[in-house]
Amino acid sequence: MPSLPELTAEQREDIRRICGFACVRCGVTIYRYLALPTDKHADEPIGTLLCPTCHGLVEEGRLTPAQVCSFHANPVVRQRHFARDRLPFSNELPQLIVGGARLLRDTPIPVTVEGEPLLIFAPPRRGNGATRISVRLGGRDGTPEQIVDGNEWLPTNGSWHFLLRGDRYSIMAARGDGLAVLRIVSRSRIAVEHLRTTIKGRRVEVTPDWLEIDGKRYVDRISSGNLIGLEV
């Protein structure tokens, strides 16, 4: 199932809406736009959303295209049993637990390093869908890499891995020590459980309780109610 990188904004919006703004199989709100098998005479391929883990099952042959089509026809998030509260389906900017600060409110970008935002949170487009999450960390050489952009998973070469572990979104570098773990406390509250990266020569580590920059630890340095909570 190939990626659909050349979609227009309108096409992406249509696919998100049809799929319920999440992976059609498991409901994870980090996903790739992928082409479904379609009639060869169709004007354009029909797209669906799969998280990196479920797409990996397709690549391994453990999930067939026919099964994906079945999930696409009845996305899990639209089924009555699906527990939306365990994932970030909210029409508001989430409250953040990070760096030992009191609960951060109205702070879309908790930390930037040398002008690079490590995390960006935004409410869903048009007030419907899931919290938009973006993640930007340093690669093996410290060069900034956009890994997630508005919930879209960008790596296609195996350089980064994604896992849903309980109530945690875990993003890990295949090589090196890049790491971002976000715990979904509730649909509108997210804790930065652990973030670790070296970006542009600056070493940064973040937990819910503290922030460490180049080996020096800080508590309660991220301010609430600003576009950027802390600029390093």
C-alpha atoms as a PDB file:
ATOM      1  CA  MET A   1       0.000   0.000   0.000  1.00  0.00           C
ATOM      2  CA  PRO A   2       1.855   3.105  -1.203  1.00  0.00           C
ATOM      3  CA  SER A   3       1.863   6.497   0.501  1.00  0.00           C
ATOM      4  CA  LEU A   4      -0.156   9.380  -0.915  1.00  0.00           C
ATOM      5  CA  PRO A   5       2.230  12.329  -0.548  1.00  0.00           C
ATOM      6  CA  GLU A   6       0.726  14.558  -3.248  1.00  0.00           C
ATOM      7  CA  LEU A   7      -2.758  14.942  -1.817  1.00  0.00           C
ATOM      8  CA  THR A   8      -4.380  18.356  -1.759  1.00  0.00           C
ATOM      9  CA  ALA A   9      -5.561  19.859   1.519  1.00  0.00           C
ATOM     10  CA  GLU A  10      -9.147  19.096   0.526  1.00  0.00           C
ATOM     11  CA  GLN A  11      -8.345  15.451  -0.254  1.00  0.00           C
ATOM     12  CA  ARG A  12      -6.569  15.040   3.073  1.00  0.00           C
ATOM     13  CA  GLU A  13      -9.521  16.566   4.879  1.00  0.00           C
ATOM     14  CA  ASP A  14     -11.914  14.174   3.128  1.00  0.00           C
ATOM     15  CA  ILE A  15      -9.794  11.138   4.048  1.00  0.00           C
ATOM     16  CA  ARG A  16      -9.492  12.230   7.680  1.00  0.00           C
ATOM     17  CA  ARG A  17     -13.242  12.737   7.943  1.00  0.00           C
ATOM     18  CA  ILE A  18     -14.100   9.409   6.306  1.00  0.00           C
ATOM     19  CA  CYS A  19     -11.639   7.539   8.535  1.00  0.00           C
ATOM     20  CA  GLY A  20     -12.677   9.256  11.757  1.00  0.00           C
ATOM     21  CA  PHE A  21      -9.424  11.244  12.107  1.00  0.00           C
ATOM     22  CA  ALA A  22      -7.440   8.166  13.152  1.00  0.00           C
ATOM     23  CA  CYS A  23      -6.057   4.805  12.067  1.00  0.00           C
ATOM     24  CA  VAL A  24      -9.007   2.825  10.758  1.00  0.00           C
ATOM     25  CA  ARG A  25      -7.822  -0.374  12.494  1.00  0.00           C
ATOM     26  CA  CYS A  26      -6.727   0.716  15.988  1.00  0.00           C
ATOM     27  CA  GLY A  27      -7.829   4.354  16.412  1.00  0.00           C
ATOM     28  CA  VAL A  28      -4.366   5.847  17.012  1.00  0.00           C
ATOM     29  CA  THR A  29      -4.325   9.513  15.992  1.00  0.00           C
ATOM     30  CA  ILE A  30      -0.818   9.367  14.463  1.00  0.00           C
ATOM     31  CA  TYR A  31      -1.138   8.069  10.926  1.00  0.00           C
ATOM     32  CA  ARG A  32      -0.001   7.902   7.324  1.00  0.00           C
ATOM     33  CA  TYR A  33      -2.101   8.598   4.234  1.00  0.00           C
ATOM     34  CA  LEU A  34      -2.084   5.388   2.218  1.00  0.00           C
ATOM     35  CA  ALA A  35      -3.647   4.277  -1.051  1.00  0.00           C
ATOM     36  CA  LEU A  36      -6.299   1.584  -0.922  1.00  0.00           C
ATOM     37  CA  PRO A  37      -6.530  -0.979  -3.737  1.00  0.00           C
ATOM     38  CA  THR A  38      -8.956   0.442  -6.261  1.00  0.00           C
ATOM     39  CA  ASP A  39     -10.261  -0.119  -9.753  1.00  0.00           C
ATOM     40  CA  LYS A  40      -7.553   0.530 -12.341  1.00  0.00           C
ATOM     41  CA  HIS A  41      -9.963   2.752 -14.261  1.00  0.00           C
ATOM     42  CA  ALA A  42     -10.668   5.027 -11.271  1.00  0.00           C
ATOM     43  CA  ASP A  43      -9.578   8.623 -11.638  1.00  0.00           C
ATOM     44  CA  GLU A  44      -7.526   8.559  -8.412  1.00  0.00           C
ATOM     45  CA  PRO A  45      -6.699   6.101  -5.629  1.00  0.00           C
ATOM     46  CA  ILE A  46      -8.920   5.974  -2.586  1.00  0.00           C
ATOM     47  CA  GLY A  47      -6.994   6.918   0.527  1.00  0.00           C
ATOM     48  CA  THR A  48      -7.145   5.648   4.083  1.00  0.00           C
ATOM     49  CA  LEU A  49      -5.357   6.242   7.389  1.00  0.00           C
ATOM     50  CA  LEU A  50      -3.132   3.681   9.093  1.00  0.00           C
ATOM     51  CA  CYS A  51      -0.812   4.248  12.040  1.00  0.00           C
ATOM     52  CA  PRO A  52       2.864   3.259  11.554  1.00  0.00           C
ATOM     53  CA  THR A  53       2.335   0.034  13.540  1.00  0.00           C
ATOM     54  CA  CYS A  54      -0.646  -1.145  11.492  1.00  0.00           C
ATOM     55  CA  HIS A  55       1.060  -0.199   8.248  1.00  0.00           C
ATOM     56  CA  GLY A  56       4.028  -2.279   9.402  1.00  0.00           C
ATOM     57  CA  LEU A  57       1.669  -5.253   9.671  1.00  0.00           C
ATOM     58  CA  VAL A  58       0.663  -4.673   6.035  1.00  0.00           C
ATOM     59  CA  GLU A  59       4.313  -4.592   4.938  1.00  0.00           C
ATOM     60  CA  GLU A  60       4.984  -7.825   6.852  1.00  0.00           C
ATOM     61  CA  GLY A  61       2.011  -9.524   5.194  1.00  0.00           C
ATOM     62  CA  ARG A  62       0.201  -9.969   8.513  1.00  0.00           C
ATOM     63  CA  LEU A  63      -2.587  -7.608   7.441  1.00  0.00           C
ATOM     64  CA  THR A  64      -3.939  -7.998   3.924  1.00  0.00           C
ATOM     65  CA  PRO A  65      -5.183  -5.186   1.673  1.00  0.00           C
ATOM     66  CA  ALA A  66      -8.620  -6.801   1.790  1.00  0.00           C
ATOM     67  CA  GLN A  67      -8.616  -6.574   5.585  1.00  0.00           C
ATOM     68  CA  VAL A  68      -7.558  -2.925   5.389  1.00  0.00           C
ATOM     69  CA  CYS A  69     -10.454  -2.249   3.019  1.00  0.00           C
ATOM     70  CA  SER A  70     -12.780  -3.841   5.565  1.00  0.00           C
ATOM     71  CA  PHE A  71     -11.434  -1.616   8.345  1.00  0.00           C
ATOM     72  CA  HIS A  72     -11.725   1.412   6.055  1.00  0.00           C
ATOM     73  CA  ALA A  73     -15.399   0.618   5.426  1.00  0.00           C
ATOM     74  CA  ASN A  74     -16.049   0.541   9.188  1.00  0.00           C
ATOM     75  CA  PRO A  75     -13.352   2.522  11.054  1.00  0.00           C
ATOM     76  CA  VAL A  76     -12.875   1.428  14.655  1.00  0.00           C
ATOM     77  CA  VAL A  77     -13.410   4.944  16.041  1.00  0.00           C
ATOM     78  CA  ARG A  78     -16.963   4.905  14.673  1.00  0.00           C
ATOM     79  CA  GLN A  79     -17.820   1.660  16.435  1.00  0.00           C
ATOM     80  CA  ARG A  80     -19.864   1.795  19.639  1.00  0.00           C
ATOM     81  CA  HIS A  81     -17.312  -0.054  21.774  1.00  0.00           C
ATOM     82  CA  PHE A  82     -14.416   2.302  21.003  1.00  0.00           C
ATOM     83  CA  ALA A  83     -13.212   4.240  24.086  1.00  0.00           C
ATOM     84  CA  ARG A  84     -12.422   7.716  22.767  1.00  0.00           C
ATOM     85  CA  ASP A  85     -11.371   9.005  26.197  1.00  0.00           C
ATOM     86  CA  ARG A  86      -8.148   7.014  26.107  1.00  0.00           C
ATOM     87  CA  LEU A  87      -6.873   8.916  23.075  1.00  0.00           C
ATOM     88  CA  PRO A  88      -6.589  12.673  22.369  1.00  0.00           C
ATOM     89  CA  PHE A  89      -9.941  13.302  20.686  1.00  0.00           C
ATOM     90  CA  SER A  90     -10.673  16.847  21.849  1.00  0.00           C
ATOM     91  CA  ASN A  91     -11.785  20.059  20.189  1.00  0.00           C
ATOM     92  CA  GLU A  92      -9.643  22.135  22.564  1.00  0.00           C
ATOM     93  CA  LEU A  93      -5.931  22.847  22.936  1.00  0.00           C
ATOM     94  CA  PRO A  94      -4.735  20.233  25.456  1.00  0.00           C
ATOM     95  CA  GLN A  95      -3.459  21.049  28.921  1.00  0.00           C
ATOM     96  CA  LEU A  96       0.149  19.886  29.355  1.00  0.00           C
ATOM     97  CA  ILE A  97       2.064  18.285  32.206  1.00  0.00           C
ATOM     98  CA  VAL A  98       5.734  19.044  31.582  1.00  0.00           C
ATOM     99  CA  GLY A  99       8.927  20.319  33.192  1.00  0.00           C
ATOM    100  CA  GLY A 100       7.669  20.529  36.776  1.00  0.00           C
ATOM    101  CA  ALA A 101       5.475  23.481  35.919  1.00  0.00           C
ATOM    102  CA  ARG A 102       1.952  23.837  37.103  1.00  0.00           C
ATOM    103  CA  LEU A 103      -0.513  22.552  34.556  1.00  0.00           C
ATOM    104  CA  LEU A 104       0.235  24.383  31.291  1.00  0.00           C
ATOM    105  CA  ARG A 105      -2.764  25.924  29.616  1.00  0.00           C
ATOM    106  CA  ASP A 106      -2.961  27.730  26.277  1.00  0.00           C
ATOM    107  CA  THR A 107       0.661  26.880  25.446  1.00  0.00           C
ATOM    108  CA  PRO A 108       0.877  25.290  21.972  1.00  0.00           C
ATOM    109  CA  ILE A 109       4.703  25.039  21.966  1.00  0.00           C
ATOM    110  CA  PRO A 110       6.144  24.088  25.370  1.00  0.00           C
ATOM    111  CA  VAL A 111       9.855  24.242  24.378  1.00  0.00           C
ATOM    112  CA  THR A 112      11.958  25.457  21.450  1.00  0.00           C
ATOM    113  CA  VAL A 113      15.696  24.782  21.058  1.00  0.00           C
ATOM    114  CA  GLU A 114      17.689  27.184  18.891  1.00  0.00           C
ATOM    115  CA  GLY A 115      14.411  28.193  17.282  1.00  0.00           C
ATOM    116  CA  GLU A 116      13.287  24.591  16.689  1.00  0.00           C
ATOM    117  CA  PRO A 117       9.958  23.631  18.329  1.00  0.00           C
ATOM    118  CA  LEU A 118      10.293  20.115  19.775  1.00  0.00           C
ATOM    119  CA  LEU A 119       6.539  19.670  20.248  1.00  0.00           C
ATOM    120  CA  ILE A 120       3.552  21.546  18.873  1.00  0.00           C
ATOM    121  CA  PHE A 121      -0.034  20.937  19.974  1.00  0.00           C
ATOM    122  CA  ALA A 122      -3.079  22.373  18.228  1.00  0.00           C
ATOM    123  CA  PRO A 123      -6.825  21.817  18.330  1.00  0.00           C
ATOM    124  CA  PRO A 124      -8.372  19.934  15.405  1.00  0.00           C
ATOM    125  CA  ARG A 125      -9.257  21.752  12.250  1.00  0.00           C
ATOM    126  CA  ARG A 126     -12.795  23.128  12.215  1.00  0.00           C
ATOM    127  CA  GLY A 127     -13.350  21.928  15.785  1.00  0.00           C
ATOM    128  CA  ASN A 128     -13.789  18.296  14.805  1.00  0.00           C
ATOM    129  CA  GLY A 129     -11.365  15.407  15.126  1.00  0.00           C
ATOM    130  CA  ALA A 130      -8.240  14.835  17.219  1.00  0.00           C
ATOM    131  CA  THR A 131      -5.615  17.043  18.827  1.00  0.00           C
ATOM    132  CA  ARG A 132      -2.973  17.836  16.224  1.00  0.00           C
ATOM    133  CA  ILE A 133       0.463  16.774  17.436  1.00  0.00           C
ATOM    134  CA  SER A 134       3.777  17.638  15.794  1.00  0.00           C
ATOM    135  CA  VAL A 135       7.170  16.281  16.881  1.00  0.00           C
ATOM    136  CA  ARG A 136      10.585  17.582  15.782  1.00  0.00           C
ATOM    137  CA  LEU A 137      13.749  16.027  17.210  1.00  0.00           C
ATOM    138  CA  GLY A 138      17.419  15.790  16.323  1.00  0.00           C
ATOM    139  CA  GLY A 139      18.653  13.009  14.083  1.00  0.00           C
ATOM    140  CA  ARG A 140      21.861  11.049  14.629  1.00  0.00           C
ATOM    141  CA  ASP A 141      23.975  14.095  13.765  1.00  0.00           C
ATOM    142  CA  GLY A 142      21.775  16.573  15.643  1.00  0.00           C
ATOM    143  CA  THR A 143      20.113  17.894  12.511  1.00  0.00           C
ATOM    144  CA  PRO A 144      16.445  18.702  13.176  1.00  0.00           C
ATOM    145  CA  GLU A 145      14.035  16.167  11.712  1.00  0.00           C
ATOM    146  CA  GLN A 146      10.263  16.581  11.426  1.00  0.00           C
ATOM    147  CA  ILE A 147       8.882  13.229  12.525  1.00  0.00           C
ATOM    148  CA  VAL A 148       5.202  13.999  12.994  1.00  0.00           C
ATOM    149  CA  ASP A 149       3.480  16.954  11.324  1.00  0.00           C
ATOM    150  CA  GLY A 150      -0.083  17.635  12.438  1.00  0.00           C
ATOM    151  CA  ASN A 151      -0.547  13.912  13.266  1.00  0.00           C
ATOM    152  CA  GLU A 152       0.948  12.761   9.961  1.00  0.00           C
ATOM    153  CA  TRP A 153       3.811  10.300  10.399  1.00  0.00           C
ATOM    154  CA  LEU A 154       6.569  11.355   7.994  1.00  0.00           C
ATOM    155  CA  PRO A 155       9.490   8.847   8.212  1.00  0.00           C
ATOM    156  CA  THR A 156       9.318   6.133   5.570  1.00  0.00           C
ATOM    157  CA  ASN A 157      12.879   4.736   5.800  1.00  0.00           C
ATOM    158  CA  GLY A 158      12.765   3.042   9.198  1.00  0.00           C
ATOM    159  CA  SER A 159      14.813   5.770  10.898  1.00  0.00           C
ATOM    160  CA  TRP A 160      12.121   6.259  13.566  1.00  0.00           C
ATOM    161  CA  HIS A 161       9.665   3.880  15.210  1.00  0.00           C
ATOM    162  CA  PHE A 162       6.219   4.475  16.703  1.00  0.00           C
ATOM    163  CA  LEU A 163       4.383   2.395  19.315  1.00  0.00           C
ATOM    164  CA  LEU A 164       1.182   2.738  21.295  1.00  0.00           C
ATOM    165  CA  ARG A 165       1.955   1.355  24.749  1.00  0.00           C
ATOM    166  CA  GLY A 166      -1.089   1.490  26.986  1.00  0.00           C
ATOM    167  CA  ASP A 167      -1.931   5.186  27.154  1.00  0.00           C
ATOM    168  CA  ARG A 168       1.422   6.312  25.740  1.00  0.00           C
ATOM    169  CA  TYR A 169       2.492   7.397  22.268  1.00  0.00           C
ATOM    170  CA  SER A 170       6.174   6.383  22.008  1.00  0.00           C
ATOM    171  CA  ILE A 171       8.461   7.688  19.254  1.00  0.00           C
ATOM    172  CA  MET A 172      12.021   6.346  19.161  1.00  0.00           C
ATOM    173  CA  ALA A 173      15.005   6.741  16.879  1.00  0.00           C
ATOM    174  CA  ALA A 174      16.118   3.494  15.254  1.00  0.00           C
ATOM    175  CA  ARG A 175      19.696   4.611  15.927  1.00  0.00           C
ATOM    176  CA  GLY A 176      20.770   7.184  18.465  1.00  0.00           C
ATOM    177  CA  ASP A 177      18.866   8.206  21.557  1.00  0.00           C
ATOM    178  CA  GLY A 178      16.074  10.382  20.186  1.00  0.00           C
ATOM    179  CA  LEU A 179      12.914   9.736  22.171  1.00  0.00           C
ATOM    180  CA  ALA A 180       9.485  11.264  22.773  1.00  0.00           C
ATOM    181  CA  VAL A 181       6.868   9.601  24.970  1.00  0.00           C
ATOM    182  CA  LEU A 182       3.512  11.325  25.390  1.00  0.00           C
ATOM    183  CA  ARG A 183       1.058   9.947  27.947  1.00  0.00           C
ATOM    184  CA  ILE A 184      -2.588  10.562  27.162  1.00  0.00           C
ATOM    185  CA  VAL A 185      -3.959  11.417  30.617  1.00  0.00           C
ATOM    186  CA  SER A 186      -7.359  12.241  29.147  1.00  0.00           C
ATOM    187  CA  ARG A 187      -8.649  13.390  25.784  1.00  0.00           C
ATOM    188  CA  SER A 188      -7.696  17.004  26.635  1.00  0.00           C
ATOM    189  CA  ARG A 189      -4.666  16.509  28.895  1.00  0.00           C
ATOM    190  CA  ILE A 190      -1.246  15.207  27.822  1.00  0.00           C
ATOM    191  CA  ALA A 191       1.882  14.560  29.889  1.00  0.00           C
ATOM    192  CA  VAL A 192       5.350  14.729  28.330  1.00  0.00           C
ATOM    193  CA  GLU A 193       6.431  11.489  29.993  1.00  0.00           C
ATOM    194  CA  HIS A 194       9.942  11.609  28.539  1.00  0.00           C
ATOM    195  CA  LEU A 195      11.592  13.575  25.763  1.00  0.00           C
ATOM    196  CA  ARG A 196      15.286  13.238  25.002  1.00  0.00           C
ATOM    197  CA  THR A 197      17.243  14.656  22.079  1.00  0.00           C
ATOM    198  CA  THR A 198      20.374  16.452  20.934  1.00  0.00           C
ATOM    199  CA  ILE A 199      19.474  19.135  18.430  1.00  0.00           C
ATOM    200  CA  LYS A 200      21.820  21.743  16.958  1.00  0.00           C
ATOM    201  CA  GLY A 201      24.429  20.816  19.544  1.00  0.00           C
ATOM    202  CA  ARG A 202      22.082  21.305  22.516  1.00  0.00           C
ATOM    203  CA  ARG A 203      21.268  18.369  24.756  1.00  0.00           C
ATOM    204  CA  VAL A 204      17.700  18.448  26.070  1.00  0.00           C
ATOM    205  CA  GLU A 205      15.779  16.057  28.311  1.00  0.00           C
ATOM    206  CA  VAL A 206      12.258  16.650  29.589  1.00  0.00           C
ATOM    207  CA  THR A 207       9.968  14.796  32.007  1.00  0.00           C
ATOM    208  CA  PRO A 208       6.765  15.820  33.790  1.00  0.00           C
ATOM    209  CA  ASP A 209       8.883  16.905  36.781  1.00  0.00           C
ATOM    210  CA  TRP A 210      11.922  18.649  35.320  1.00  0.00           C
ATOM    211  CA  LEU A 211      13.741  19.985  32.273  1.00  0.00           C
ATOM    212  CA  GLU A 212      17.459  19.415  31.685  1.00  0.00           C
ATOM    213  CA  ILE A 213      19.463  21.547  29.241  1.00  0.00           C
ATOM    214  CA  ASP A 214      23.113  20.727  28.510  1.00  0.00           C
ATOM    215  CA  GLY A 215      23.348  18.855  31.810  1.00  0.00           C
ATOM    216  CA  LYS A 216      21.747  21.546  33.983  1.00  0.00           C
ATOM    217  CA  ARG A 217      18.363  20.727  35.497  1.00  0.00           C
ATOM    218  CA  TYR A 218      15.481  23.193  35.934  1.00  0.00           C
ATOM    219  CA  VAL A 219      12.033  23.012  37.476  1.00  0.00           C
ATOM    220  CA  ASP A 220       9.048  25.221  36.674  1.00  0.00           C
ATOM    221  CA  ARG A 221      10.788  27.183  33.903  1.00  0.00           C
ATOM    222  CA  ILE A 222       8.083  26.661  31.259  1.00  0.00           C
ATOM    223  CA  SER A 223       5.527  29.437  31.356  1.00  0.00           C
ATOM    224  CA  SER A 224       1.813  28.989  30.782  1.00  0.00           C
ATOM    225  CA  GLY A 225      -0.456  31.025  28.545  1.00  0.00           C
ATOM    226  CA  ASN A 226       2.126  31.837  25.850  1.00  0.00           C
ATOM    227  CA  LEU A 227       2.679  30.679  22.299  1.00  0.00           C
ATOM    228  CA  ILE A 228       6.100  29.332  23.408  1.00  0.00           C
ATOM    229  CA  GLY A 229       6.562  28.217  26.995  1.00  0.00           C
ATOM    230  CA  LEU A 230      10.391  28.287  26.993  1.00  0.00           C
ATOM    231  CA  GLU A 231      12.989  29.267  24.403  1.00  0.00           C
ATOM    232  CA  VAL A 232      16.407  27.604  24.837  1.00  0.00           C
END
